[in-house]
Amino acid sequence: MNLKAVVEGLLFISGEEGITIAEMTEIIEKPFEEVKALLKELALDYQKEDRGIHIIELE
């Protein structure tokens, strides 16, 4: 299973409400730090490819 694709899918289905890293860890059953690293990697992919979508972290 491509975990980065799973994380990307979770971001899209969460819609305007968003999703926390903690919620993602529960769903995909992976450690917090691993999910956080996948999100950073995905965000960098979006930047490199000059895509119209950006991942932002809200507090």
C-alpha atoms as a PDB file:
ATOM      1  CA  MET A   1       0.000   0.000   0.000  1.00  0.00           C
ATOM      2  CA  ASN A   2       1.337   3.457  -0.931  1.00  0.00           C
ATOM      3  CA  LEU A   3       0.965   5.306   2.367  1.00  0.00           C
ATOM      4  CA  LYS A   4       1.600   8.708   0.812  1.00  0.00           C
ATOM      5  CA  ALA A   5      -1.357   8.135  -1.517  1.00  0.00           C
ATOM      6  CA  VAL A   6      -3.498   7.067   1.446  1.00  0.00           C
ATOM      7  CA  VAL A   7      -2.582  10.251   3.345  1.00  0.00           C
ATOM      8  CA  GLU A   8      -3.356  12.331   0.258  1.00  0.00           C
ATOM      9  CA  GLY A   9      -6.732  10.627  -0.040  1.00  0.00           C
ATOM     10  CA  LEU A  10      -7.513  11.326   3.611  1.00  0.00           C
ATOM     11  CA  LEU A  11      -6.745  15.011   3.073  1.00  0.00           C
ATOM     12  CA  PHE A  12      -9.120  15.180   0.127  1.00  0.00           C
ATOM     13  CA  ILE A  13     -12.003  13.335   1.768  1.00  0.00           C
ATOM     14  CA  SER A  14     -11.706  15.435   4.928  1.00  0.00           C
ATOM     15  CA  GLY A  15     -12.883  18.443   2.929  1.00  0.00           C
ATOM     16  CA  GLU A  16     -13.097  21.870   4.522  1.00  0.00           C
ATOM     17  CA  GLU A  17     -13.172  20.394   8.031  1.00  0.00           C
ATOM     18  CA  GLY A  18      -9.669  19.008   7.651  1.00  0.00           C
ATOM     19  CA  ILE A  19      -8.153  16.132   9.563  1.00  0.00           C
ATOM     20  CA  THR A  20      -5.600  15.957  12.343  1.00  0.00           C
ATOM     21  CA  ILE A  21      -2.431  13.931  12.246  1.00  0.00           C
ATOM     22  CA  ALA A  22      -3.754  12.041  15.270  1.00  0.00           C
ATOM     23  CA  GLU A  23      -6.887  11.080  13.328  1.00  0.00           C
ATOM     24  CA  MET A  24      -4.746   9.914  10.418  1.00  0.00           C
ATOM     25  CA  THR A  25      -2.595   7.783  12.708  1.00  0.00           C
ATOM     26  CA  GLU A  26      -5.705   6.028  14.004  1.00  0.00           C
ATOM     27  CA  ILE A  27      -7.057   5.380  10.521  1.00  0.00           C
ATOM     28  CA  ILE A  28      -3.875   4.086   8.900  1.00  0.00           C
ATOM     29  CA  GLU A  29      -2.418   2.616  12.102  1.00  0.00           C
ATOM     30  CA  LYS A  30       1.010   4.207  11.746  1.00  0.00           C
ATOM     31  CA  PRO A  31       3.047   6.228  14.261  1.00  0.00           C
ATOM     32  CA  PHE A  32       2.482   9.984  14.550  1.00  0.00           C
ATOM     33  CA  GLU A  33       6.016  10.845  13.384  1.00  0.00           C
ATOM     34  CA  GLU A  34       5.703   8.623  10.303  1.00  0.00           C
ATOM     35  CA  VAL A  35       2.439  10.286   9.271  1.00  0.00           C
ATOM     36  CA  LYS A  36       3.915  13.732   9.903  1.00  0.00           C
ATOM     37  CA  ALA A  37       6.914  12.848   7.711  1.00  0.00           C
ATOM     38  CA  LEU A  38       4.600  11.638   4.936  1.00  0.00           C
ATOM     39  CA  LEU A  39       2.702  14.934   5.087  1.00  0.00           C
ATOM     40  CA  LYS A  40       5.948  16.911   4.809  1.00  0.00           C
ATOM     41  CA  GLU A  41       7.026  14.790   1.860  1.00  0.00           C
ATOM     42  CA  LEU A  42       3.663  15.281   0.162  1.00  0.00           C
ATOM     43  CA  ALA A  43       3.814  19.048   0.763  1.00  0.00           C
ATOM     44  CA  LEU A  44       7.277  19.158  -0.831  1.00  0.00           C
ATOM     45  CA  ASP A  45       6.012  17.160  -3.808  1.00  0.00           C
ATOM     46  CA  TYR A  46       3.268  19.739  -4.311  1.00  0.00           C
ATOM     47  CA  GLN A  47       5.798  22.601  -4.148  1.00  0.00           C
ATOM     48  CA  LYS A  48       8.264  20.966  -6.549  1.00  0.00           C
ATOM     49  CA  GLU A  49       5.568  20.244  -9.094  1.00  0.00           C
ATOM     50  CA  ASP A  50       4.232  23.822  -8.787  1.00  0.00           C
ATOM     51  CA  ARG A  51       0.737  22.521  -8.119  1.00  0.00           C
ATOM     52  CA  GLY A  52      -2.251  24.628  -7.202  1.00  0.00           C
ATOM     53  CA  ILE A  53      -2.749  22.767  -3.932  1.00  0.00           C
ATOM     54  CA  HIS A  54      -0.748  23.372  -0.774  1.00  0.00           C
ATOM     55  CA  ILE A  55      -0.770  21.589   2.553  1.00  0.00           C
ATOM     56  CA  ILE A  56      -0.897  23.907   5.538  1.00  0.00           C
ATOM     57  CA  GLU A  57      -0.885  23.159   9.242  1.00  0.00           C
ATOM     58  CA  LEU A  58      -3.427  24.954  11.396  1.00  0.00           C
ATOM     59  CA  GLU A  59      -3.228  25.178  15.145  1.00  0.00           C
END
